[in-house]
PDB file of all heavy atoms in Angstrom:
ATOM      1  N   ILE A   1     157.385  80.727 130.785  1.00  0.00           N
ATOM      2  CA  ILE A   1     158.511  81.234 131.578  1.00  0.00           C
ATOM      3  C   ILE A   1     158.761  82.706 131.271  1.00  0.00           C
ATOM      4  O   ILE A   1     158.955  83.537 132.179  1.00  0.00           O
ATOM      5  CB  ILE A   1     159.783  80.410 131.297  1.00  0.00           C
ATOM      6  CG1 ILE A   1     159.712  79.045 131.979  1.00  0.00           C
ATOM      7  CG2 ILE A   1     161.042  81.163 131.733  1.00  0.00           C
ATOM      8  CD1 ILE A   1     159.922  79.054 133.471  1.00  0.00           C
ATOM      9  N   VAL A   2     158.764  83.060 129.995  1.00  0.00           N
ATOM     10  CA  VAL A   2     159.024  84.447 129.586  1.00  0.00           C
ATOM     11  C   VAL A   2     157.932  85.379 130.107  1.00  0.00           C
ATOM     12  O   VAL A   2     158.217  86.481 130.601  1.00  0.00           O
ATOM     13  CB  VAL A   2     159.148  84.541 128.053  1.00  0.00           C
ATOM     14  CG1 VAL A   2     159.158  85.998 127.593  1.00  0.00           C
ATOM     15  CG2 VAL A   2     160.417  83.839 127.586  1.00  0.00           C
ATOM     16  N   LEU A   3     156.682  84.958 130.019  1.00  0.00           N
ATOM     17  CA  LEU A   3     155.580  85.778 130.535  1.00  0.00           C
ATOM     18  C   LEU A   3     155.730  86.017 132.038  1.00  0.00           C
ATOM     19  O   LEU A   3     155.555  87.145 132.522  1.00  0.00           O
ATOM     20  CB  LEU A   3     154.237  85.104 130.238  1.00  0.00           C
ATOM     21  CG  LEU A   3     153.869  84.940 128.755  1.00  0.00           C
ATOM     22  CD1 LEU A   3     152.526  84.243 128.618  1.00  0.00           C
ATOM     23  CD2 LEU A   3     153.850  86.279 128.043  1.00  0.00           C
ATOM     24  N   LEU A   4     156.062  84.967 132.774  1.00  0.00           N
ATOM     25  CA  LEU A   4     156.294  85.129 134.208  1.00  0.00           C
ATOM     26  C   LEU A   4     157.463  86.074 134.467  1.00  0.00           C
ATOM     27  O   LEU A   4     157.422  86.903 135.382  1.00  0.00           O
ATOM     28  CB  LEU A   4     156.590  83.765 134.846  1.00  0.00           C
ATOM     29  CG  LEU A   4     155.415  82.807 135.033  1.00  0.00           C
ATOM     30  CD1 LEU A   4     155.913  81.460 135.540  1.00  0.00           C
ATOM     31  CD2 LEU A   4     154.407  83.381 136.007  1.00  0.00           C
ATOM     32  N   GLY A   5     158.500  85.946 133.656  1.00  0.00           N
ATOM     33  CA  GLY A   5     159.680  86.773 133.838  1.00  0.00           C
ATOM     34  C   GLY A   5     159.383  88.251 133.685  1.00  0.00           C
ATOM     35  O   GLY A   5     159.817  89.080 134.500  1.00  0.00           O
ATOM     36  N   PHE A   6     158.618  88.627 132.666  1.00  0.00           N
ATOM     37  CA  PHE A   6     158.301  90.045 132.453  1.00  0.00           C
ATOM     38  C   PHE A   6     157.362  90.584 133.528  1.00  0.00           C
ATOM     39  O   PHE A   6     157.365  91.782 133.812  1.00  0.00           O
ATOM     40  CB  PHE A   6     157.711  90.255 131.066  1.00  0.00           C
ATOM     41  CG  PHE A   6     158.753  90.296 129.983  1.00  0.00           C
ATOM     42  CD1 PHE A   6     158.760  89.359 128.962  1.00  0.00           C
ATOM     43  CD2 PHE A   6     159.735  91.272 129.987  1.00  0.00           C
ATOM     44  CE1 PHE A   6     159.725  89.389 127.972  1.00  0.00           C
ATOM     45  CE2 PHE A   6     160.708  91.314 128.994  1.00  0.00           C
ATOM     46  CZ  PHE A   6     160.704  90.366 127.986  1.00  0.00           C
ATOM     47  N   LEU A   7     156.548  89.710 134.108  1.00  0.00           N
ATOM     48  CA  LEU A   7     155.699  90.157 135.210  1.00  0.00           C
ATOM     49  C   LEU A   7     156.505  90.388 136.484  1.00  0.00           C
ATOM     50  O   LEU A   7     156.241  91.325 137.241  1.00  0.00           O
ATOM     51  CB  LEU A   7     154.601  89.127 135.478  1.00  0.00           C
ATOM     52  CG  LEU A   7     153.461  89.054 134.452  1.00  0.00           C
ATOM     53  CD1 LEU A   7     152.571  87.850 134.749  1.00  0.00           C
ATOM     54  CD2 LEU A   7     152.638  90.336 134.457  1.00  0.00           C
ATOM     55  N   LEU A   8     157.503  89.552 136.727  1.00  0.00           N
ATOM     56  CA  LEU A   8     158.239  89.598 137.986  1.00  0.00           C
ATOM     57  C   LEU A   8     159.445  90.531 137.968  1.00  0.00           C
ATOM     58  O   LEU A   8     159.779  91.144 138.976  1.00  0.00           O
ATOM     59  CB  LEU A   8     158.712  88.193 138.362  1.00  0.00           C
ATOM     60  CG  LEU A   8     157.756  87.330 139.172  1.00  0.00           C
ATOM     61  CD1 LEU A   8     158.358  85.952 139.392  1.00  0.00           C
ATOM     62  CD2 LEU A   8     157.449  87.969 140.515  1.00  0.00           C
ATOM     63  N   TYR A   9     160.122  90.619 136.831  1.00  0.00           N
ATOM     64  CA  TYR A   9     161.397  91.341 136.781  1.00  0.00           C
ATOM     65  C   TYR A   9     161.237  92.644 135.997  1.00  0.00           C
ATOM     66  O   TYR A   9     160.926  92.622 134.806  1.00  0.00           O
ATOM     67  CB  TYR A   9     162.481  90.478 136.135  1.00  0.00           C
ATOM     68  CG  TYR A   9     162.867  89.290 136.977  1.00  0.00           C
ATOM     69  CD1 TYR A   9     162.125  88.106 136.925  1.00  0.00           C
ATOM     70  CD2 TYR A   9     163.958  89.346 137.835  1.00  0.00           C
ATOM     71  CE1 TYR A   9     162.470  87.013 137.702  1.00  0.00           C
ATOM     72  CE2 TYR A   9     164.310  88.250 138.614  1.00  0.00           C
ATOM     73  CZ  TYR A   9     163.569  87.088 138.543  1.00  0.00           C
ATOM     74  OH  TYR A   9     163.903  86.003 139.313  1.00  0.00           O
ATOM     75  N   PRO A  10     161.477  93.796 136.640  1.00  0.00           N
ATOM     76  CA  PRO A  10     161.312  95.091 135.972  1.00  0.00           C
ATOM     77  C   PRO A  10     162.443  95.399 134.995  1.00  0.00           C
ATOM     78  O   PRO A  10     163.468  94.713 134.977  1.00  0.00           O
ATOM     79  CB  PRO A  10     161.313  96.081 137.139  1.00  0.00           C
ATOM     80  CG  PRO A  10     162.146  95.413 138.180  1.00  0.00           C
ATOM     81  CD  PRO A  10     161.857  93.945 138.060  1.00  0.00           C
ATOM     82  N   LEU A  11     162.234  96.457 134.229  1.00  0.00           N
ATOM     83  CA  LEU A  11     163.229  96.893 133.237  1.00  0.00           C
ATOM     84  C   LEU A  11     164.535  97.270 133.903  1.00  0.00           C
ATOM     85  O   LEU A  11     165.613  96.972 133.417  1.00  0.00           O
ATOM     86  CB  LEU A  11     162.674  98.082 132.440  1.00  0.00           C
ATOM     87  CG  LEU A  11     163.580  98.665 131.361  1.00  0.00           C
ATOM     88  CD1 LEU A  11     163.765  97.684 130.218  1.00  0.00           C
ATOM     89  CD2 LEU A  11     162.987  99.980 130.834  1.00  0.00           C
ATOM     90  N   ASN A  12     164.454  97.966 135.024  1.00  0.00           N
ATOM     91  CA  ASN A  12     165.645  98.347 135.779  1.00  0.00           C
ATOM     92  C   ASN A  12     165.295  98.360 137.265  1.00  0.00           C
ATOM     93  O   ASN A  12     164.173  98.082 137.650  1.00  0.00           O
ATOM     94  CB  ASN A  12     166.172  99.711 135.319  1.00  0.00           C
ATOM     95  CG  ASN A  12     165.095 100.785 135.367  1.00  0.00           C
ATOM     96  OD1 ASN A  12     164.477 101.017 136.402  1.00  0.00           O
ATOM     97  ND2 ASN A  12     164.851 101.437 134.235  1.00  0.00           N
ATOM     98  N   LYS A  13     166.267  98.698 138.069  1.00  0.00           N
ATOM     99  CA  LYS A  13     166.098  98.598 139.522  1.00  0.00           C
ATOM    100  C   LYS A  13     165.631  99.888 140.175  1.00  0.00           C
ATOM    101  O   LYS A  13     165.390  99.936 141.363  1.00  0.00           O
ATOM    102  CB  LYS A  13     167.427  98.175 140.177  1.00  0.00           C
ATOM    103  CG  LYS A  13     168.131  96.999 139.503  1.00  0.00           C
ATOM    104  CD  LYS A  13     167.258  95.766 139.460  1.00  0.00           C
ATOM    105  CE  LYS A  13     167.994  94.579 138.868  1.00  0.00           C
ATOM    106  NZ  LYS A  13     168.241  94.641 137.440  1.00  0.00           N
ATOM    107  N   LYS A  14     165.549 100.975 139.406  1.00  0.00           N
ATOM    108  CA  LYS A  14     165.196 102.270 139.995  1.00  0.00           C
ATOM    109  C   LYS A  14     164.005 102.877 139.265  1.00  0.00           C
ATOM    110  O   LYS A  14     163.834 102.699 138.066  1.00  0.00           O
ATOM    111  CB  LYS A  14     166.383 103.227 139.913  1.00  0.00           C
ATOM    112  CG  LYS A  14     167.591 102.769 140.727  1.00  0.00           C
ATOM    113  CD  LYS A  14     168.737 103.763 140.591  1.00  0.00           C
ATOM    114  CE  LYS A  14     169.953 103.313 141.398  1.00  0.00           C
ATOM    115  NZ  LYS A  14     171.085 104.246 141.257  1.00  0.00           N
ATOM    116  N   GLY A  15     163.234 103.609 139.994  1.00  0.00           N
ATOM    117  CA  GLY A  15     162.140 104.377 139.399  1.00  0.00           C
ATOM    118  C   GLY A  15     161.077 103.532 138.745  1.00  0.00           C
ATOM    119  O   GLY A  15     160.504 103.908 137.728  1.00  0.00           O
ATOM    120  N   ILE A  16     160.795 102.351 139.310  1.00  0.00           N
ATOM    121  CA  ILE A  16     159.782 101.476 138.704  1.00  0.00           C
ATOM    122  C   ILE A  16     158.698 101.170 139.731  1.00  0.00           C
ATOM    123  O   ILE A  16     158.903 101.262 140.931  1.00  0.00           O
ATOM    124  CB  ILE A  16     160.410 100.166 138.167  1.00  0.00           C
ATOM    125  CG1 ILE A  16     161.317  99.505 139.246  1.00  0.00           C
ATOM    126  CG2 ILE A  16     161.219 100.413 136.935  1.00  0.00           C
ATOM    127  CD1 ILE A  16     160.658  98.518 140.102  1.00  0.00           C
ATOM    128  N   ASP A  17     157.543 100.800 139.221  1.00  0.00           N
ATOM    129  CA  ASP A  17     156.444 100.374 140.086  1.00  0.00           C
ATOM    130  C   ASP A  17     156.688  98.919 140.476  1.00  0.00           C
ATOM    131  O   ASP A  17     156.691  98.033 139.618  1.00  0.00           O
ATOM    132  CB  ASP A  17     155.113 100.513 139.334  1.00  0.00           C
ATOM    133  CG  ASP A  17     153.911 100.205 140.229  1.00  0.00           C
ATOM    134  OD1 ASP A  17     154.118  99.644 141.326  1.00  0.00           O
ATOM    135  OD2 ASP A  17     152.791 100.543 139.829  1.00  0.00           O
ATOM    136  N   LYS A  18     156.901  98.689 141.759  1.00  0.00           N
ATOM    137  CA  LYS A  18     157.237  97.347 142.201  1.00  0.00           C
ATOM    138  C   LYS A  18     156.015  96.467 142.392  1.00  0.00           C
ATOM    139  O   LYS A  18     156.143  95.304 142.761  1.00  0.00           O
ATOM    140  CB  LYS A  18     158.037  97.413 143.499  1.00  0.00           C
ATOM    141  CG  LYS A  18     159.391  98.070 143.327  1.00  0.00           C
ATOM    142  CD  LYS A  18     160.328  97.672 144.439  1.00  0.00           C
ATOM    143  CE  LYS A  18     161.726  98.188 144.121  1.00  0.00           C
ATOM    144  NZ  LYS A  18     162.725  97.633 145.028  1.00  0.00           N
ATOM    145  N   HIS A  19     154.835  96.991 142.175  1.00  0.00           N
ATOM    146  CA  HIS A  19     153.618  96.223 142.434  1.00  0.00           C
ATOM    147  C   HIS A  19     152.804  95.915 141.171  1.00  0.00           C
ATOM    148  O   HIS A  19     151.859  95.138 141.229  1.00  0.00           O
ATOM    149  CB  HIS A  19     152.740  96.972 143.430  1.00  0.00           C
ATOM    150  CG  HIS A  19     153.444  97.306 144.713  1.00  0.00           C
ATOM    151  ND1 HIS A  19     154.063  96.347 145.483  1.00  0.00           N
ATOM    152  CD2 HIS A  19     153.634  98.490 145.357  1.00  0.00           C
ATOM    153  CE1 HIS A  19     154.604  96.915 146.559  1.00  0.00           C
ATOM    154  NE2 HIS A  19     154.358  98.214 146.499  1.00  0.00           N
ATOM    155  N   HIS A  20     153.194  96.517 140.048  1.00  0.00           N
ATOM    156  CA  HIS A  20     152.461  96.289 138.801  1.00  0.00           C
ATOM    157  C   HIS A  20     153.430  96.371 137.618  1.00  0.00           C
ATOM    158  O   HIS A  20     154.388  97.143 137.662  1.00  0.00           O
ATOM    159  CB  HIS A  20     151.346  97.330 138.612  1.00  0.00           C
ATOM    160  CG  HIS A  20     150.356  97.367 139.741  1.00  0.00           C
ATOM    161  ND1 HIS A  20     149.348  96.443 139.867  1.00  0.00           N
ATOM    162  CD2 HIS A  20     150.240  98.210 140.797  1.00  0.00           C
ATOM    163  CE1 HIS A  20     148.642  96.715 140.960  1.00  0.00           C
ATOM    164  NE2 HIS A  20     149.164  97.784 141.540  1.00  0.00           N
ATOM    165  N   PRO A  21     153.197  95.595 136.556  1.00  0.00           N
ATOM    166  CA  PRO A  21     154.044  95.715 135.373  1.00  0.00           C
ATOM    167  C   PRO A  21     153.832  97.060 134.679  1.00  0.00           C
ATOM    168  O   PRO A  21     152.742  97.629 134.732  1.00  0.00           O
ATOM    169  CB  PRO A  21     153.582  94.548 134.491  1.00  0.00           C
ATOM    170  CG  PRO A  21     152.189  94.244 134.946  1.00  0.00           C
ATOM    171  CD  PRO A  21     152.156  94.566 136.410  1.00  0.00           C
ATOM    172  N   SER A  22     154.891  97.546 134.033  1.00  0.00           N
ATOM    173  CA  SER A  22     154.819  98.827 133.344  1.00  0.00           C
ATOM    174  C   SER A  22     154.313  98.642 131.920  1.00  0.00           C
ATOM    175  O   SER A  22     154.131  97.515 131.439  1.00  0.00           O
ATOM    176  CB  SER A  22     156.203  99.476 133.308  1.00  0.00           C
ATOM    177  OG  SER A  22     157.068  98.703 132.487  1.00  0.00           O
ATOM    178  N   ILE A  23     154.116  99.758 131.239  1.00  0.00           N
ATOM    179  CA  ILE A  23     153.708  99.714 129.827  1.00  0.00           C
ATOM    180  C   ILE A  23     154.763  98.993 128.995  1.00  0.00           C
ATOM    181  O   ILE A  23     154.441  98.210 128.079  1.00  0.00           O
ATOM    182  CB  ILE A  23     153.501 101.150 129.286  1.00  0.00           C
ATOM    183  CG1 ILE A  23     152.329 101.828 129.996  1.00  0.00           C
ATOM    184  CG2 ILE A  23     153.269 101.121 127.779  1.00  0.00           C
ATOM    185  CD1 ILE A  23     150.999 101.152 129.764  1.00  0.00           C
ATOM    186  N   ILE A  24     156.040  99.239 129.322  1.00  0.00           N
ATOM    187  CA  ILE A  24     157.122  98.568 128.585  1.00  0.00           C
ATOM    188  C   ILE A  24     157.044  97.061 128.800  1.00  0.00           C
ATOM    189  O   ILE A  24     157.219  96.279 127.852  1.00  0.00           O
ATOM    190  CB  ILE A  24     158.491  99.118 129.037  1.00  0.00           C
ATOM    191  CG1 ILE A  24     158.618 100.593 128.655  1.00  0.00           C
ATOM    192  CG2 ILE A  24     159.629  98.303 128.423  1.00  0.00           C
ATOM    193  CD1 ILE A  24     159.878 101.260 129.144  1.00  0.00           C
ATOM    194  N   ASP A  25     156.783  96.647 130.031  1.00  0.00           N
ATOM    195  CA  ASP A  25     156.659  95.210 130.311  1.00  0.00           C
ATOM    196  C   ASP A  25     155.506  94.594 129.518  1.00  0.00           C
ATOM    197  O   ASP A  25     155.652  93.502 128.952  1.00  0.00           O
ATOM    198  CB  ASP A  25     156.417  94.980 131.808  1.00  0.00           C
ATOM    199  CG  ASP A  25     157.560  95.493 132.662  1.00  0.00           C
ATOM    200  OD1 ASP A  25     158.710  95.352 132.237  1.00  0.00           O
ATOM    201  OD2 ASP A  25     157.292  96.045 133.741  1.00  0.00           O
ATOM    202  N   ILE A  26     154.401  95.289 129.485  1.00  0.00           N
ATOM    203  CA  ILE A  26     153.244  94.794 128.729  1.00  0.00           C
ATOM    204  C   ILE A  26     153.580  94.699 127.252  1.00  0.00           C
ATOM    205  O   ILE A  26     153.195  93.748 126.557  1.00  0.00           O
ATOM    206  CB  ILE A  26     152.019  95.702 128.968  1.00  0.00           C
ATOM    207  CG1 ILE A  26     151.582  95.600 130.438  1.00  0.00           C
ATOM    208  CG2 ILE A  26     150.863  95.307 128.046  1.00  0.00           C
ATOM    209  CD1 ILE A  26     150.511  96.590 130.839  1.00  0.00           C
ATOM    210  N   GLY A  27     154.347  95.688 126.762  1.00  0.00           N
ATOM    211  CA  GLY A  27     154.780  95.646 125.367  1.00  0.00           C
ATOM    212  C   GLY A  27     155.622  94.420 125.077  1.00  0.00           C
ATOM    213  O   GLY A  27     155.435  93.742 124.048  1.00  0.00           O
ATOM    214  N   PHE A  28     156.557  94.110 125.986  1.00  0.00           N
ATOM    215  CA  PHE A  28     157.396  92.923 125.782  1.00  0.00           C
ATOM    216  C   PHE A  28     156.577  91.640 125.914  1.00  0.00           C
ATOM    217  O   PHE A  28     156.861  90.642 125.237  1.00  0.00           O
ATOM    218  CB  PHE A  28     158.553  92.921 126.786  1.00  0.00           C
ATOM    219  CG  PHE A  28     159.775  93.648 126.298  1.00  0.00           C
ATOM    220  CD1 PHE A  28     160.160  94.851 126.863  1.00  0.00           C
ATOM    221  CD2 PHE A  28     160.548  93.132 125.265  1.00  0.00           C
ATOM    222  CE1 PHE A  28     161.281  95.538 126.418  1.00  0.00           C
ATOM    223  CE2 PHE A  28     161.671  93.797 124.809  1.00  0.00           C
ATOM    224  CZ  PHE A  28     162.041  95.003 125.387  1.00  0.00           C
ATOM    225  N   ILE A  29     155.576  91.644 126.779  1.00  0.00           N
ATOM    226  CA  ILE A  29     154.705  90.469 126.897  1.00  0.00           C
ATOM    227  C   ILE A  29     153.983  90.212 125.581  1.00  0.00           C
ATOM    228  O   ILE A  29     153.878  89.061 125.119  1.00  0.00           O
ATOM    229  CB  ILE A  29     153.705  90.671 128.053  1.00  0.00           C
ATOM    230  CG1 ILE A  29     154.426  90.552 129.401  1.00  0.00           C
ATOM    231  CG2 ILE A  29     152.555  89.665 127.975  1.00  0.00           C
ATOM    232  CD1 ILE A  29     153.574  90.902 130.595  1.00  0.00           C
ATOM    233  N   ILE A  30     153.505  91.290 124.950  1.00  0.00           N
ATOM    234  CA  ILE A  30     152.839  91.146 123.646  1.00  0.00           C
ATOM    235  C   ILE A  30     153.811  90.614 122.609  1.00  0.00           C
ATOM    236  O   ILE A  30     153.482  89.719 121.806  1.00  0.00           O
ATOM    237  CB  ILE A  30     152.241  92.502 123.207  1.00  0.00           C
ATOM    238  CG1 ILE A  30     151.099  92.899 124.149  1.00  0.00           C
ATOM    239  CG2 ILE A  30     151.744  92.435 121.765  1.00  0.00           C
ATOM    240  CD1 ILE A  30     150.587  94.305 123.937  1.00  0.00           C
ATOM    241  N   LEU A  31     155.047  91.157 122.605  1.00  0.00           N
ATOM    242  CA  LEU A  31     156.066  90.681 121.658  1.00  0.00           C
ATOM    243  C   LEU A  31     156.398  89.206 121.906  1.00  0.00           C
ATOM    244  O   LEU A  31     156.611  88.447 120.948  1.00  0.00           O
ATOM    245  CB  LEU A  31     157.328  91.530 121.779  1.00  0.00           C
ATOM    246  CG  LEU A  31     157.251  92.962 121.243  1.00  0.00           C
ATOM    247  CD1 LEU A  31     158.555  93.704 121.517  1.00  0.00           C
ATOM    248  CD2 LEU A  31     156.944  92.961 119.736  1.00  0.00           C
ATOM    249  N   ALA A  32     156.428  88.806 123.184  1.00  0.00           N
ATOM    250  CA  ALA A  32     156.696  87.403 123.501  1.00  0.00           C
ATOM    251  C   ALA A  32     155.589  86.500 122.968  1.00  0.00           C
ATOM    252  O   ALA A  32     155.851  85.435 122.397  1.00  0.00           O
ATOM    253  CB  ALA A  32     156.847  87.227 125.013  1.00  0.00           C
ATOM    254  N   LEU A  33     154.352  86.938 123.153  1.00  0.00           N
ATOM    255  CA  LEU A  33     153.219  86.160 122.638  1.00  0.00           C
ATOM    256  C   LEU A  33     153.288  86.033 121.124  1.00  0.00           C
ATOM    257  O   LEU A  33     152.984  84.973 120.558  1.00  0.00           O
ATOM    258  CB  LEU A  33     151.902  86.816 123.062  1.00  0.00           C
ATOM    259  CG  LEU A  33     151.556  86.718 124.557  1.00  0.00           C
ATOM    260  CD1 LEU A  33     150.394  87.644 124.898  1.00  0.00           C
ATOM    261  CD2 LEU A  33     151.219  85.276 124.935  1.00  0.00           C
ATOM    262  N   LEU A  34     153.711  87.115 120.472  1.00  0.00           N
ATOM    263  CA  LEU A  34     153.825  87.084 119.012  1.00  0.00           C
ATOM    264  C   LEU A  34     155.001  86.225 118.566  1.00  0.00           C
ATOM    265  O   LEU A  34     154.862  85.341 117.707  1.00  0.00           O
ATOM    266  CB  LEU A  34     153.988  88.510 118.482  1.00  0.00           C
ATOM    267  CG  LEU A  34     152.776  89.435 118.598  1.00  0.00           C
ATOM    268  CD1 LEU A  34     153.147  90.860 118.187  1.00  0.00           C
ATOM    269  CD2 LEU A  34     151.624  88.912 117.748  1.00  0.00           C
ATOM    270  N   GLY A  35     156.184  86.493 119.148  1.00  0.00           N
ATOM    271  CA  GLY A  35     157.393  85.826 118.696  1.00  0.00           C
ATOM    272  C   GLY A  35     157.404  84.338 118.952  1.00  0.00           C
ATOM    273  O   GLY A  35     157.686  83.537 118.044  1.00  0.00           O
ATOM    274  N   ILE A  36     157.088  83.939 120.179  1.00  0.00           N
ATOM    275  CA  ILE A  36     157.113  82.507 120.512  1.00  0.00           C
ATOM    276  C   ILE A  36     155.802  81.843 120.109  1.00  0.00           C
ATOM    277  O   ILE A  36     155.788  80.702 119.640  1.00  0.00           O
ATOM    278  CB  ILE A  36     157.407  82.309 122.010  1.00  0.00           C
ATOM    279  CG1 ILE A  36     158.722  82.996 122.383  1.00  0.00           C
ATOM    280  CG2 ILE A  36     157.471  80.825 122.357  1.00  0.00           C
ATOM    281  CD1 ILE A  36     159.051  82.955 123.862  1.00  0.00           C
ATOM    282  N   GLY A  37     154.694  82.574 120.279  1.00  0.00           N
ATOM    283  CA  GLY A  37     153.399  82.018 119.887  1.00  0.00           C
ATOM    284  C   GLY A  37     153.330  81.687 118.404  1.00  0.00           C
ATOM    285  O   GLY A  37     152.712  80.693 117.997  1.00  0.00           O
ATOM    286  N   TYR A  38     154.003  82.502 117.589  1.00  0.00           N
ATOM    287  CA  TYR A  38     153.982  82.273 116.137  1.00  0.00           C
ATOM    288  C   TYR A  38     154.566  80.910 115.780  1.00  0.00           C
ATOM    289  O   TYR A  38     153.969  80.154 114.996  1.00  0.00           O
ATOM    290  CB  TYR A  38     154.767  83.380 115.431  1.00  0.00           C
ATOM    291  CG  TYR A  38     154.903  83.165 113.941  1.00  0.00           C
ATOM    292  CD1 TYR A  38     153.902  83.558 113.058  1.00  0.00           C
ATOM    293  CD2 TYR A  38     156.033  82.550 113.406  1.00  0.00           C
ATOM    294  CE1 TYR A  38     154.018  83.349 111.689  1.00  0.00           C
ATOM    295  CE2 TYR A  38     156.166  82.332 112.042  1.00  0.00           C
ATOM    296  CZ  TYR A  38     155.157  82.732 111.184  1.00  0.00           C
ATOM    297  OH  TYR A  38     155.285  82.521 109.832  1.00  0.00           O
ATOM    298  N   ILE A  39     155.735  80.585 116.356  1.00  0.00           N
ATOM    299  CA  ILE A  39     156.374  79.320 115.971  1.00  0.00           C
ATOM    300  C   ILE A  39     155.626  78.131 116.572  1.00  0.00           C
ATOM    301  O   ILE A  39     155.615  77.038 116.006  1.00  0.00           O
ATOM    302  CB  ILE A  39     157.868  79.304 116.369  1.00  0.00           C
ATOM    303  CG1 ILE A  39     158.599  78.171 115.654  1.00  0.00           C
ATOM    304  CG2 ILE A  39     158.043  79.204 117.869  1.00  0.00           C
ATOM    305  CD1 ILE A  39     158.617  78.299 114.154  1.00  0.00           C
TER     306      ILE A  39
END
């Protein structure tokens, strides 16, 4: 669910690429894999 969320929902509503995840999104995806994947 979290991985889907970071792919679909941007950091904010302005000045973002609406067709691809940003570097920040990818960073949070990695953190999600680490944080939830660890437990």
